[in-house]
Amino acid sequence: MGETGFWDRPSEARERIEKQKTARRQIDRWEQLRRTCSDLETMLEMAEELHDPEADAECQRLARGLDRDIYSFELTSFFQNELDSHDAVLSIHPGAGGTESQDWAEMLLRMYLRWAEENGFKTSLLDRQEGEEAGIKDATIEVQGEYAFGYLQSEAGVHRLVRISPFDASKRRHTSFASVFVLPQVGELTDVEIRDEDIRIDTFRASGAGGQHVNKTDSAVRITHIASGIVVQSQAERSQHRNRDFAMRILRARLYQYTLEQERKKLDHLEESKREIAFGSQIRSYVFHPYTLVKDHRTEWETSDVQAVMNGELNPFIDAWLRMRSRPIARGSRGGGRA
């Protein structure tokens, strides 16, 4: 940073600083793992000498924690894109199925919020539009934390639900669909420029849950990027200023994706997320009836513990996808997994 002319190209300088910070965090994590290994070795020696049950229990606790930390560190080695370390913007949209799919979209939203909470990520609700009878018409959240986009990009695509409908008096089995879109939160680290003359900003009264106050003022914000036709909105906050800030975050992320698609036709996994939200295009199926099964159709990973998955236990699916992506040559011969 001290070299002559480093700040002459601000965008490039910020990018280099971000890469340096990411590398430093990885080094710090590696050093912490080494210290923990050393501590565990010392504890094991003490436990052998003392024959103390409490020392044995502490060794087991330390070993379990070390195992989790090594597993997490190993996963970060599979991240291939410089944007993997960024925060993520995740949007959920119901597909074919009406009220059923809107309810399913809300179930997915809860699943991702639980996953984020369990894994130490911070979430912010950027937009949520309630369904007419149940569920949501769409929702957008920001997930903040190290490698949030790297982990969540595996979730982009169509998710299929099979269950006995709680909205069907005849208790028939229904199939519902919802799509998940995941974008990196690019912030100011890219060359995406949004000028005032490039956008149109409209305000309106927020609808849905949030109490009476949220509906008394034109606090909701809709931003249209004129050239690309991209439209984003936020109505999660009572403050128009905060909603505008949230909407601009979403717009910046979507414009970055749009630019990549126009210039490089984007990567296959982002193209696949644009498929029709209906049968045959799903990346994962969640079966509640007549048996219980969650199966990822890309990696063949599956588990019968549906409730655990709906409560945010997504790491085995994310792990399988990251490992599959890091070994493209072996995909054809890779066997499926089962939890």
Foldseek 3Di string as FASTA:
>chain_A
DPDPPLCVPVLVNVLVVLVVVVVVVLVVLVVVLVVLVVVLVVLVVVCVVPVDPVSVVVSVVSVVVSVVSVVVSVLVVLDDDSLQFFKKKKKKAWAPDAPVRQQVSQLVVLQAVLQLVVVVWDKDWLAWAAGPPHHTRMTMMITGDTRNLVLCLLQFAKEKEWAQDPPDPVRDIDITIMGMDMFGQCPSNDPDDDDPVQKDKDFAQDDDDDDDLSRPDRQKIWMARPPVRDIFIGSPDSHNVVSVVSRVSVVSRVVVVVVCCVPPVDDPSNVLSPDHGDPPSGQWYAYPPPAGKIAGPQQREMERCRVVSSSHPCVVVSSSVSVCVSCVVCSVVDDYHYD
